C-alpha atoms as a PDB file:
ATOM      1  CA  MET A   1     -11.653  17.288 -27.328  1.00  0.00           C
ATOM      2  CA  LEU A   2      -8.038  17.735 -26.264  1.00  0.00           C
ATOM      3  CA  ASN A   3      -8.488  21.508 -26.022  1.00  0.00           C
ATOM      4  CA  VAL A   4     -11.449  21.073 -23.667  1.00  0.00           C
ATOM      5  CA  ALA A   5      -9.418  18.688 -21.499  1.00  0.00           C
ATOM      6  CA  VAL A   6      -6.570  21.231 -21.382  1.00  0.00           C
ATOM      7  CA  LYS A   7      -9.038  23.944 -20.349  1.00  0.00           C
ATOM      8  CA  ALA A   8     -10.376  21.678 -17.593  1.00  0.00           C
ATOM      9  CA  ALA A   9      -6.868  20.865 -16.351  1.00  0.00           C
ATOM     10  CA  ARG A  10      -5.789  24.505 -16.252  1.00  0.00           C
ATOM     11  CA  THR A  11      -8.965  25.506 -14.403  1.00  0.00           C
ATOM     12  CA  ALA A  12      -8.287  22.823 -11.806  1.00  0.00           C
ATOM     13  CA  GLY A  13      -4.635  23.872 -11.682  1.00  0.00           C
ATOM     14  CA  SER A  14      -5.650  27.408 -10.707  1.00  0.00           C
ATOM     15  CA  ILE A  15      -7.661  26.009  -7.794  1.00  0.00           C
ATOM     16  CA  ILE A  16      -4.714  23.901  -6.640  1.00  0.00           C
ATOM     17  CA  ASN A  17      -2.206  26.745  -6.964  1.00  0.00           C
ATOM     18  CA  ARG A  18      -4.384  29.083  -4.894  1.00  0.00           C
ATOM     19  CA  ALA A  19      -4.718  26.450  -2.186  1.00  0.00           C
ATOM     20  CA  ALA A  20      -0.964  25.792  -2.229  1.00  0.00           C
ATOM     21  CA  LEU A  21      -0.349  29.370  -1.072  1.00  0.00           C
ATOM     22  CA  ASP A  22      -1.762  28.403   2.342  1.00  0.00           C
ATOM     23  CA  VAL A  23      -1.706  24.630   2.391  1.00  0.00           C
ATOM     24  CA  GLU A  24      -1.952  24.465   6.184  1.00  0.00           C
ATOM     25  CA  ALA A  25      -5.477  25.879   5.949  1.00  0.00           C
ATOM     26  CA  VAL A  26      -6.663  23.087   3.639  1.00  0.00           C
ATOM     27  CA  ARG A  27      -9.147  20.676   5.219  1.00  0.00           C
ATOM     28  CA  ILE A  28      -7.915  17.085   5.053  1.00  0.00           C
ATOM     29  CA  SER A  29      -9.686  13.778   5.605  1.00  0.00           C
ATOM     30  CA  GLN A  30      -8.420  10.213   5.432  1.00  0.00           C
ATOM     31  CA  LYS A  31      -9.955   7.615   3.108  1.00  0.00           C
ATOM     32  CA  GLN A  32      -7.846   4.852   4.619  1.00  0.00           C
ATOM     33  CA  VAL A  33      -4.443   4.543   6.289  1.00  0.00           C
ATOM     34  CA  ASN A  34      -1.980   6.891   4.545  1.00  0.00           C
ATOM     35  CA  ASP A  35      -4.555   7.680   1.820  1.00  0.00           C
ATOM     36  CA  PHE A  36      -5.699  11.284   2.088  1.00  0.00           C
ATOM     37  CA  VAL A  37      -8.260  13.474   0.339  1.00  0.00           C
ATOM     38  CA  THR A  38      -8.645  17.232   0.678  1.00  0.00           C
ATOM     39  CA  GLU A  39     -11.253  19.838  -0.138  1.00  0.00           C
ATOM     40  CA  VAL A  40      -8.891  20.773  -2.982  1.00  0.00           C
ATOM     41  CA  ASP A  41      -9.253  17.301  -4.543  1.00  0.00           C
ATOM     42  CA  HIS A  42     -13.030  17.719  -4.496  1.00  0.00           C
ATOM     43  CA  ALA A  43     -12.986  21.288  -5.836  1.00  0.00           C
ATOM     44  CA  SER A  44     -10.547  20.342  -8.589  1.00  0.00           C
ATOM     45  CA  GLU A  45     -12.636  17.328  -9.595  1.00  0.00           C
ATOM     46  CA  LYS A  46     -15.842  19.376  -9.641  1.00  0.00           C
ATOM     47  CA  ALA A  47     -14.271  22.008 -11.918  1.00  0.00           C
ATOM     48  CA  ILE A  48     -12.960  19.360 -14.315  1.00  0.00           C
ATOM     49  CA  ILE A  49     -16.274  17.512 -14.516  1.00  0.00           C
ATOM     50  CA  GLU A  50     -18.258  20.733 -15.054  1.00  0.00           C
ATOM     51  CA  THR A  51     -15.952  21.814 -17.876  1.00  0.00           C
ATOM     52  CA  LEU A  52     -16.059  18.427 -19.615  1.00  0.00           C
ATOM     53  CA  LEU A  53     -19.799  17.841 -19.291  1.00  0.00           C
ATOM     54  CA  THR A  54     -20.627  21.386 -20.407  1.00  0.00           C
ATOM     55  CA  ALA A  55     -18.853  20.592 -23.664  1.00  0.00           C
ATOM     56  CA  TYR A  56     -19.863  16.917 -23.897  1.00  0.00           C
ATOM     57  CA  PRO A  57     -23.043  16.230 -21.885  1.00  0.00           C
ATOM     58  CA  SER A  58     -23.462  12.749 -23.411  1.00  0.00           C
ATOM     59  CA  HIS A  59     -20.041  11.540 -22.204  1.00  0.00           C
ATOM     60  CA  GLY A  60     -19.384   9.387 -19.172  1.00  0.00           C
ATOM     61  CA  ILE A  61     -17.162  10.157 -16.174  1.00  0.00           C
ATOM     62  CA  LEU A  62     -14.888   7.928 -14.093  1.00  0.00           C
ATOM     63  CA  ALA A  63     -13.284  10.075 -11.395  1.00  0.00           C
ATOM     64  CA  GLU A  64     -11.209   9.199  -8.355  1.00  0.00           C
ATOM     65  CA  GLU A  65     -13.406  10.890  -5.764  1.00  0.00           C
ATOM     66  CA  SER A  66     -16.912  10.586  -7.265  1.00  0.00           C
ATOM     67  CA  GLY A  67     -16.559   7.450  -9.356  1.00  0.00           C
ATOM     68  CA  THR A  68     -19.295   7.225 -11.998  1.00  0.00           C
ATOM     69  CA  ALA A  69     -21.819   9.438 -10.190  1.00  0.00           C
ATOM     70  CA  HIS A  70     -21.633  12.085 -12.926  1.00  0.00           C
ATOM     71  CA  GLY A  71     -22.072  11.935 -16.686  1.00  0.00           C
ATOM     72  CA  ALA A  72     -23.971   9.512 -18.880  1.00  0.00           C
ATOM     73  CA  GLN A  73     -24.012   5.869 -17.884  1.00  0.00           C
ATOM     74  CA  ASP A  74     -22.811   3.269 -20.426  1.00  0.00           C
ATOM     75  CA  ALA A  75     -21.397   5.982 -22.703  1.00  0.00           C
ATOM     76  CA  GLU A  76     -18.830   5.028 -25.349  1.00  0.00           C
ATOM     77  CA  HIS A  77     -16.797   8.136 -24.455  1.00  0.00           C
ATOM     78  CA  VAL A  78     -15.610   8.138 -20.828  1.00  0.00           C
ATOM     79  CA  TRP A  79     -13.378  10.735 -19.183  1.00  0.00           C
ATOM     80  CA  ILE A  80     -11.007   9.194 -16.606  1.00  0.00           C
ATOM     81  CA  ILE A  81      -9.990  11.807 -14.037  1.00  0.00           C
ATOM     82  CA  ASP A  82      -7.533  12.130 -11.182  1.00  0.00           C
ATOM     83  CA  PRO A  83      -8.076  15.682  -9.912  1.00  0.00           C
ATOM     84  CA  LEU A  84      -4.941  15.731  -7.752  1.00  0.00           C
ATOM     85  CA  ASP A  85      -2.479  12.889  -8.088  1.00  0.00           C
ATOM     86  CA  GLY A  86       0.052  13.198  -5.293  1.00  0.00           C
ATOM     87  CA  THR A  87      -2.272  14.498  -2.560  1.00  0.00           C
ATOM     88  CA  THR A  88       0.128  13.460   0.211  1.00  0.00           C
ATOM     89  CA  ASN A  89       2.881  15.500  -1.451  1.00  0.00           C
ATOM     90  CA  PHE A  90       0.496  18.462  -1.818  1.00  0.00           C
ATOM     91  CA  ILE A  91      -0.563  18.576   1.837  1.00  0.00           C
ATOM     92  CA  HIS A  92       3.093  18.588   2.899  1.00  0.00           C
ATOM     93  CA  GLY A  93       4.013  21.371   0.481  1.00  0.00           C
ATOM     94  CA  PHE A  94       6.184  18.998  -1.553  1.00  0.00           C
ATOM     95  CA  PRO A  95       5.705  20.260  -5.133  1.00  0.00           C
ATOM     96  CA  VAL A  96       5.312  16.961  -6.989  1.00  0.00           C
ATOM     97  CA  TYR A  97       1.663  16.493  -7.938  1.00  0.00           C
ATOM     98  CA  CYS A  98      -0.515  16.836 -11.003  1.00  0.00           C
ATOM     99  CA  ILE A  99      -3.921  16.648 -12.641  1.00  0.00           C
ATOM    100  CA  SER A 100      -4.583  13.684 -14.929  1.00  0.00           C
ATOM    101  CA  ILE A 101      -7.377  13.588 -17.525  1.00  0.00           C
ATOM    102  CA  ALA A 102      -7.859  10.904 -20.175  1.00  0.00           C
ATOM    103  CA  LEU A 103     -10.611  10.148 -22.669  1.00  0.00           C
ATOM    104  CA  ALA A 104     -11.336   6.489 -23.360  1.00  0.00           C
ATOM    105  CA  VAL A 105     -13.444   5.609 -26.401  1.00  0.00           C
ATOM    106  CA  ARG A 106     -14.916   2.120 -26.211  1.00  0.00           C
ATOM    107  CA  GLY A 107     -12.325   1.260 -23.587  1.00  0.00           C
ATOM    108  CA  LYS A 108      -9.266   2.597 -25.461  1.00  0.00           C
ATOM    109  CA  VAL A 109      -7.512   5.772 -24.341  1.00  0.00           C
ATOM    110  CA  GLU A 110      -7.434   8.310 -27.186  1.00  0.00           C
ATOM    111  CA  GLN A 111      -6.742  11.665 -25.491  1.00  0.00           C
ATOM    112  CA  ALA A 112      -4.510  12.498 -22.532  1.00  0.00           C
ATOM    113  CA  VAL A 113      -3.628  15.553 -20.481  1.00  0.00           C
ATOM    114  CA  ILE A 114      -1.339  15.657 -17.453  1.00  0.00           C
ATOM    115  CA  TYR A 115      -0.827  19.087 -15.942  1.00  0.00           C
ATOM    116  CA  ASP A 116       1.728  19.977 -13.264  1.00  0.00           C
ATOM    117  CA  PRO A 117       0.382  23.276 -11.873  1.00  0.00           C
ATOM    118  CA  SER A 118       3.416  24.039  -9.695  1.00  0.00           C
ATOM    119  CA  ARG A 119       5.713  24.062 -12.748  1.00  0.00           C
ATOM    120  CA  ASN A 120       3.088  24.992 -15.361  1.00  0.00           C
ATOM    121  CA  ASP A 121       4.115  21.895 -17.328  1.00  0.00           C
ATOM    122  CA  LEU A 122       1.450  20.598 -19.697  1.00  0.00           C
ATOM    123  CA  PHE A 123       1.798  17.090 -21.133  1.00  0.00           C
ATOM    124  CA  THR A 124      -0.638  16.165 -23.919  1.00  0.00           C
ATOM    125  CA  ALA A 125      -1.195  13.286 -26.321  1.00  0.00           C
ATOM    126  CA  THR A 126      -3.696  12.250 -28.959  1.00  0.00           C
ATOM    127  CA  LYS A 127      -3.695   8.680 -30.204  1.00  0.00           C
ATOM    128  CA  GLY A 128      -1.664   8.458 -33.404  1.00  0.00           C
ATOM    129  CA  ARG A 129      -0.403  12.056 -33.200  1.00  0.00           C
ATOM    130  CA  GLY A 130       2.480  11.921 -30.733  1.00  0.00           C
ATOM    131  CA  ALA A 131       3.111  13.230 -27.211  1.00  0.00           C
ATOM    132  CA  TYR A 132       4.011  16.789 -26.232  1.00  0.00           C
ATOM    133  CA  LEU A 133       5.345  18.793 -23.312  1.00  0.00           C
ATOM    134  CA  ASN A 134       4.367  22.476 -23.545  1.00  0.00           C
ATOM    135  CA  GLU A 135       3.732  21.964 -27.293  1.00  0.00           C
ATOM    136  CA  ARG A 136       7.187  20.452 -27.862  1.00  0.00           C
ATOM    137  CA  ARG A 137       7.315  16.876 -29.160  1.00  0.00           C
ATOM    138  CA  ILE A 138       8.734  14.431 -26.634  1.00  0.00           C
ATOM    139  CA  ARG A 139      10.227  10.942 -26.949  1.00  0.00           C
ATOM    140  CA  VAL A 140      11.200   8.259 -24.473  1.00  0.00           C
ATOM    141  CA  SER A 141      14.826   7.826 -23.479  1.00  0.00           C
ATOM    142  CA  LYS A 142      17.296   6.323 -25.964  1.00  0.00           C
ATOM    143  CA  ARG A 143      19.216   4.414 -23.309  1.00  0.00           C
ATOM    144  CA  THR A 144      19.448   0.668 -23.891  1.00  0.00           C
ATOM    145  CA  ARG A 145      21.515  -0.548 -20.915  1.00  0.00           C
ATOM    146  CA  LEU A 146      19.523  -0.952 -17.712  1.00  0.00           C
ATOM    147  CA  GLN A 147      22.578  -0.253 -15.536  1.00  0.00           C
ATOM    148  CA  GLU A 148      22.635   3.311 -16.943  1.00  0.00           C
ATOM    149  CA  CYS A 149      18.935   3.963 -16.299  1.00  0.00           C
ATOM    150  CA  LEU A 150      16.957   5.958 -13.749  1.00  0.00           C
ATOM    151  CA  ILE A 151      13.757   4.132 -12.785  1.00  0.00           C
ATOM    152  CA  SER A 152      10.801   5.553 -10.866  1.00  0.00           C
ATOM    153  CA  THR A 153       8.399   3.606  -8.674  1.00  0.00           C
ATOM    154  CA  GLY A 154       5.788   3.916  -5.939  1.00  0.00           C
ATOM    155  CA  PHE A 155       6.043   2.398  -2.470  1.00  0.00           C
ATOM    156  CA  PRO A 156       3.198   0.322  -1.020  1.00  0.00           C
ATOM    157  CA  PHE A 157       1.306   2.272   1.638  1.00  0.00           C
ATOM    158  CA  ARG A 158      -2.134   0.702   1.994  1.00  0.00           C
ATOM    159  CA  LYS A 159      -3.235  -1.718   4.668  1.00  0.00           C
ATOM    160  CA  GLY A 160      -2.657  -5.245   3.395  1.00  0.00           C
ATOM    161  CA  ASP A 161       0.144  -4.357   0.993  1.00  0.00           C
ATOM    162  CA  ASN A 162       2.974  -6.869   1.056  1.00  0.00           C
ATOM    163  CA  PHE A 163       5.886  -4.607   1.931  1.00  0.00           C
ATOM    164  CA  ASN A 164       8.389  -7.467   2.189  1.00  0.00           C
ATOM    165  CA  ALA A 165       7.609  -8.543  -1.370  1.00  0.00           C
ATOM    166  CA  TYR A 166       8.115  -4.959  -2.516  1.00  0.00           C
ATOM    167  CA  LEU A 167      11.503  -4.822  -0.821  1.00  0.00           C
ATOM    168  CA  GLN A 168      12.521  -7.910  -2.819  1.00  0.00           C
ATOM    169  CA  MET A 169      11.306  -6.211  -5.986  1.00  0.00           C
ATOM    170  CA  MET A 170      13.109  -2.982  -5.159  1.00  0.00           C
ATOM    171  CA  GLY A 171      16.304  -4.899  -4.415  1.00  0.00           C
ATOM    172  CA  ASP A 172      16.126  -6.704  -7.750  1.00  0.00           C
ATOM    173  CA  VAL A 173      15.790  -3.418  -9.626  1.00  0.00           C
ATOM    174  CA  MET A 174      18.197  -1.293  -7.573  1.00  0.00           C
ATOM    175  CA  GLN A 175      21.210  -3.560  -8.081  1.00  0.00           C
ATOM    176  CA  ARG A 176      20.780  -3.397 -11.867  1.00  0.00           C
ATOM    177  CA  THR A 177      20.146   0.333 -12.411  1.00  0.00           C
ATOM    178  CA  ALA A 178      21.777   3.734 -11.932  1.00  0.00           C
ATOM    179  CA  GLY A 179      19.090   4.752  -9.460  1.00  0.00           C
ATOM    180  CA  LEU A 180      15.551   4.272  -8.171  1.00  0.00           C
ATOM    181  CA  ARG A 181      13.251   7.204  -7.363  1.00  0.00           C
ATOM    182  CA  ARG A 182       9.859   7.470  -5.616  1.00  0.00           C
ATOM    183  CA  PRO A 183       8.395  10.920  -6.481  1.00  0.00           C
ATOM    184  CA  GLY A 184       4.881  10.111  -5.248  1.00  0.00           C
ATOM    185  CA  ALA A 185       2.599  10.835  -8.235  1.00  0.00           C
ATOM    186  CA  ALA A 186       2.198   7.943 -10.668  1.00  0.00           C
ATOM    187  CA  ALA A 187       0.643  10.024 -13.452  1.00  0.00           C
ATOM    188  CA  LEU A 188       3.593  12.424 -13.391  1.00  0.00           C
ATOM    189  CA  ASP A 189       6.017   9.474 -13.237  1.00  0.00           C
ATOM    190  CA  LEU A 190       4.551   8.180 -16.506  1.00  0.00           C
ATOM    191  CA  ALA A 191       4.717  11.636 -18.081  1.00  0.00           C
ATOM    192  CA  TYR A 192       8.393  11.791 -17.136  1.00  0.00           C
ATOM    193  CA  VAL A 193       9.016   8.423 -18.792  1.00  0.00           C
ATOM    194  CA  ALA A 194       7.355   9.791 -21.936  1.00  0.00           C
ATOM    195  CA  ALA A 195       9.627  12.848 -21.833  1.00  0.00           C
ATOM    196  CA  GLY A 196      12.769  10.765 -21.248  1.00  0.00           C
ATOM    197  CA  PHE A 197      13.389  12.244 -17.771  1.00  0.00           C
ATOM    198  CA  ALA A 198      13.151   8.698 -16.374  1.00  0.00           C
ATOM    199  CA  ASP A 199      13.853   5.527 -18.333  1.00  0.00           C
ATOM    200  CA  GLY A 200      11.182   3.348 -16.759  1.00  0.00           C
ATOM    201  CA  PHE A 201       8.467   3.094 -14.123  1.00  0.00           C
ATOM    202  CA  PHE A 202       6.776   0.324 -12.138  1.00  0.00           C
ATOM    203  CA  GLU A 203       4.162   0.247  -9.391  1.00  0.00           C
ATOM    204  CA  THR A 204       1.383  -1.942  -8.016  1.00  0.00           C
ATOM    205  CA  GLY A 205      -1.980  -1.025  -6.494  1.00  0.00           C
ATOM    206  CA  LEU A 206      -2.785   1.611  -9.115  1.00  0.00           C
ATOM    207  CA  GLN A 207      -6.257   2.549 -10.356  1.00  0.00           C
ATOM    208  CA  PRO A 208      -7.281   3.482 -13.937  1.00  0.00           C
ATOM    209  CA  TRP A 209      -7.264   7.210 -13.116  1.00  0.00           C
ATOM    210  CA  ASP A 210      -3.632   6.928 -11.971  1.00  0.00           C
ATOM    211  CA  VAL A 211      -2.361   5.525 -15.261  1.00  0.00           C
ATOM    212  CA  ALA A 212      -4.825   6.154 -18.112  1.00  0.00           C
ATOM    213  CA  ALA A 213      -3.457   9.482 -19.354  1.00  0.00           C
ATOM    214  CA  GLY A 214       0.165   8.585 -18.657  1.00  0.00           C
ATOM    215  CA  SER A 215      -0.077   5.321 -20.558  1.00  0.00           C
ATOM    216  CA  LEU A 216      -1.065   7.126 -23.766  1.00  0.00           C
ATOM    217  CA  LEU A 217       1.723   9.670 -23.288  1.00  0.00           C
ATOM    218  CA  VAL A 218       4.271   6.846 -23.024  1.00  0.00           C
ATOM    219  CA  THR A 219       3.081   4.910 -26.078  1.00  0.00           C
ATOM    220  CA  GLU A 220       2.763   8.066 -28.192  1.00  0.00           C
ATOM    221  CA  ALA A 221       6.326   8.966 -27.162  1.00  0.00           C
ATOM    222  CA  GLY A 222       7.577   5.611 -28.481  1.00  0.00           C
ATOM    223  CA  GLY A 223       7.542   3.608 -25.253  1.00  0.00           C
ATOM    224  CA  LEU A 224       5.707   0.525 -24.031  1.00  0.00           C
ATOM    225  CA  VAL A 225       3.231   0.074 -21.168  1.00  0.00           C
ATOM    226  CA  GLY A 226       1.770  -3.079 -19.661  1.00  0.00           C
ATOM    227  CA  ASN A 227       1.649  -5.201 -16.544  1.00  0.00           C
ATOM    228  CA  PHE A 228       4.723  -6.847 -15.049  1.00  0.00           C
ATOM    229  CA  THR A 229       4.510  -9.791 -17.461  1.00  0.00           C
ATOM    230  CA  GLY A 230       4.406  -7.485 -20.486  1.00  0.00           C
ATOM    231  CA  GLU A 231       0.704  -7.821 -21.302  1.00  0.00           C
ATOM    232  CA  ALA A 232      -0.693  -4.604 -22.764  1.00  0.00           C
ATOM    233  CA  GLU A 233      -4.224  -4.878 -21.318  1.00  0.00           C
ATOM    234  CA  PHE A 234      -3.260  -3.609 -17.866  1.00  0.00           C
ATOM    235  CA  LEU A 235      -5.512  -0.616 -17.152  1.00  0.00           C
ATOM    236  CA  GLU A 236      -7.609  -2.272 -14.436  1.00  0.00           C
ATOM    237  CA  GLN A 237      -5.047  -4.846 -13.249  1.00  0.00           C
ATOM    238  CA  LYS A 238      -3.500  -2.634 -10.532  1.00  0.00           C
ATOM    239  CA  GLU A 239       0.075  -3.092 -11.730  1.00  0.00           C
ATOM    240  CA  CYS A 240       1.871  -0.954 -14.266  1.00  0.00           C
ATOM    241  CA  LEU A 241       5.240  -1.148 -15.982  1.00  0.00           C
ATOM    242  CA  ALA A 242       6.415   1.400 -18.540  1.00  0.00           C
ATOM    243  CA  GLY A 243       9.613   2.325 -20.315  1.00  0.00           C
ATOM    244  CA  ALA A 244      11.568   2.742 -23.496  1.00  0.00           C
ATOM    245  CA  PRO A 245      11.185  -0.499 -25.515  1.00  0.00           C
ATOM    246  CA  ARG A 246      14.529  -2.142 -24.709  1.00  0.00           C
ATOM    247  CA  ILE A 247      14.378  -1.081 -21.057  1.00  0.00           C
ATOM    248  CA  TYR A 248      10.796  -2.298 -20.809  1.00  0.00           C
ATOM    249  CA  GLY A 249      11.864  -5.750 -21.979  1.00  0.00           C
ATOM    250  CA  GLN A 250      14.641  -5.935 -19.415  1.00  0.00           C
ATOM    251  CA  LEU A 251      12.325  -4.802 -16.602  1.00  0.00           C
ATOM    252  CA  VAL A 252       9.772  -7.463 -17.557  1.00  0.00           C
ATOM    253  CA  SER A 253      12.482 -10.087 -17.187  1.00  0.00           C
ATOM    254  CA  ILE A 254      13.101  -8.860 -13.613  1.00  0.00           C
ATOM    255  CA  LEU A 255       9.574  -8.032 -12.458  1.00  0.00           C
ATOM    256  CA  GLY A 256       7.535 -10.676 -14.261  1.00  0.00           C
ATOM    257  CA  LYS A 257       7.951 -13.168 -11.417  1.00  0.00           C
ATOM    258  CA  TYR A 258       6.256 -10.712  -9.033  1.00  0.00           C
ATOM    259  CA  SER A 259       3.125 -10.345 -11.149  1.00  0.00           C
ATOM    260  CA  LYS A 260      -0.141 -11.832  -9.977  1.00  0.00           C
ATOM    261  CA  PHE A 261      -0.691 -12.784 -13.614  1.00  0.00           C
ATOM    262  CA  ALA A 262       2.311 -15.092 -13.922  1.00  0.00           C
ATOM    263  CA  SER A 263       3.727 -18.034 -11.969  1.00  0.00           C
ATOM    264  CA  ALA A 264       6.764 -17.122  -9.887  1.00  0.00           C
ATOM    265  CA  GLY A 265      10.001 -17.724 -11.752  1.00  0.00           C
ATOM    266  CA  ASP A 266       8.225 -18.794 -14.934  1.00  0.00           C
ATOM    267  CA  LYS A 267      10.556 -16.974 -17.280  1.00  0.00           C
ATOM    268  CA  ALA A 268       9.273 -18.819 -20.320  1.00  0.00           C
ATOM    269  CA  SER A 269       5.808 -17.304 -19.917  1.00  0.00           C
ATOM    270  CA  VAL A 270       7.352 -13.862 -19.432  1.00  0.00           C
ATOM    271  CA  ARG A 271       9.309 -14.258 -22.674  1.00  0.00           C
ATOM    272  CA  GLN A 272       6.193 -15.283 -24.557  1.00  0.00           C
ATOM    273  CA  ALA A 273       4.214 -12.329 -23.254  1.00  0.00           C
ATOM    274  CA  VAL A 274       6.849  -9.667 -23.864  1.00  0.00           C
ATOM    275  CA  ALA A 275       8.116 -10.828 -27.268  1.00  0.00           C
ATOM    276  CA  PRO A 276       5.319  -9.215 -29.352  1.00  0.00           C
ATOM    277  CA  VAL A 277       5.669  -5.814 -27.683  1.00  0.00           C
ATOM    278  CA  VAL A 278       9.456  -5.738 -27.565  1.00  0.00           C
ATOM    279  CA  SER A 279       9.543  -6.491 -31.290  1.00  0.00           C
ATOM    280  CA  GLN A 280       7.908  -3.076 -31.835  1.00  0.00           C
ATOM    281  CA  SER A 281      11.215  -1.449 -30.880  1.00  0.00           C
ATOM    282  CA  GLY A 282      12.652  -2.244 -34.284  1.00  0.00           C
ATOM    283  CA  GLY A 283      12.822  -5.991 -34.696  1.00  0.00           C
ATOM    284  CA  ASN A 284      15.152  -6.723 -31.792  1.00  0.00           C
ATOM    285  CA  ASP A 285      15.029 -10.286 -30.598  1.00  0.00           C
ATOM    286  CA  ALA A 286      13.091 -10.506 -27.331  1.00  0.00           C
ATOM    287  CA  ALA A 287      15.302 -13.241 -25.917  1.00  0.00           C
ATOM    288  CA  GLU A 288      18.356 -11.043 -26.449  1.00  0.00           C
ATOM    289  CA  LEU A 289      16.687  -8.135 -24.640  1.00  0.00           C
ATOM    290  CA  LEU A 290      15.673 -10.290 -21.713  1.00  0.00           C
ATOM    291  CA  ASP A 291      19.103 -11.859 -21.328  1.00  0.00           C
ATOM    292  CA  GLU A 292      21.454  -8.946 -21.876  1.00  0.00           C
ATOM    293  CA  GLU A 293      21.483  -7.619 -18.285  1.00  0.00           C
ATOM    294  CA  GLY A 294      24.123  -9.189 -16.013  1.00  0.00           C
ATOM    295  CA  PRO A 295      23.136 -11.270 -12.972  1.00  0.00           C
ATOM    296  CA  GLY A 296      20.047 -13.448 -12.923  1.00  0.00           C
ATOM    297  CA  PRO A 297      16.993 -12.617 -10.824  1.00  0.00           C
ATOM    298  CA  LEU A 298      17.066 -13.007  -7.076  1.00  0.00           C
ATOM    299  CA  THR A 299      15.150 -15.781  -5.335  1.00  0.00           C
ATOM    300  CA  PRO A 300      11.424 -14.921  -5.413  1.00  0.00           C
ATOM    301  CA  PRO A 301       9.779 -14.053  -2.077  1.00  0.00           C
ATOM    302  CA  ALA A 302       8.470 -16.948   0.006  1.00  0.00           C
ATOM    303  CA  ALA A 303       4.877 -15.861  -0.567  1.00  0.00           C
ATOM    304  CA  ALA A 304       5.313 -16.376  -4.301  1.00  0.00           C
ATOM    305  CA  ASP A 305       6.966 -19.750  -3.768  1.00  0.00           C
ATOM    306  CA  ALA A 306       4.008 -21.013  -1.759  1.00  0.00           C
ATOM    307  CA  GLY A 307       1.990 -21.770  -4.853  1.00  0.00           C
ATOM    308  CA  HIS A 308       1.330 -20.691  -8.438  1.00  0.00           C
ATOM    309  CA  GLY A 309      -0.802 -17.589  -8.864  1.00  0.00           C
ATOM    310  CA  ASP A 310      -0.185 -16.128  -5.408  1.00  0.00           C
ATOM    311  CA  ALA A 311      -0.050 -12.352  -5.781  1.00  0.00           C
ATOM    312  CA  PRO A 312       2.599 -10.478  -3.778  1.00  0.00           C
ATOM    313  CA  PHE A 313       0.212  -7.497  -3.508  1.00  0.00           C
END
């Protein structure tokens, strides 16, 4: 199954690379404010779906542009596809974008391919068999001190996003790390965490096709993925946090208060949620991981203070 997904990704990559030679000629439409789709997205998605369904006609499809219009309905095997993650980068000629393909079996991701056609970088993972970049085994970063880490993120850009809350979140993270980056393609951000190029990643407003493949890459590379409170069942919750185990625990302690799944400032609930996953890093005490980074969290945004359960995004 992984080989078929790789074939689909490379076919789509050829379409994208040809279009990139004359990106100004690409037809662009706007799904909503600052959310673009091109004829390349559609052509890439069509090629991926045709390749997958030719091999597995009984499988289901969940794709960014066509949703569940293709494939078998109610199938146990569902391919989750983002045909061009980083479309805004692509249409500006900024070479940070990728194709993301994942296979979920009964709701659990078991195969993953992320392909960067501009660099010809192929990230792959199979559940229980590790993560690879161009057939070389990859692992998450070994850094343990957040102040030494490079963290990637995504800025809010949709109508209704709470930009002020994000600025609070960004400020909390920036003052505790070596740097914060916003490349603009969440799937590739997660692949880079898996490869150890970045130490962690967080973003809100994401869809399953943005994070499905990348989440398996991270866990198969020895990292952890969840929502901002550390809960592992995050795929459809529109918030994602990933990192090496000890960094993940420290980020949960900072970002947990911003989650729509936790009361603002309720550090006790964050500890309880993250303890089981942090313990996977080799028996380290969760409380120690959550406390070891210097200054305490900043005051939560006013929107979060207004009442329990208010979501900043």
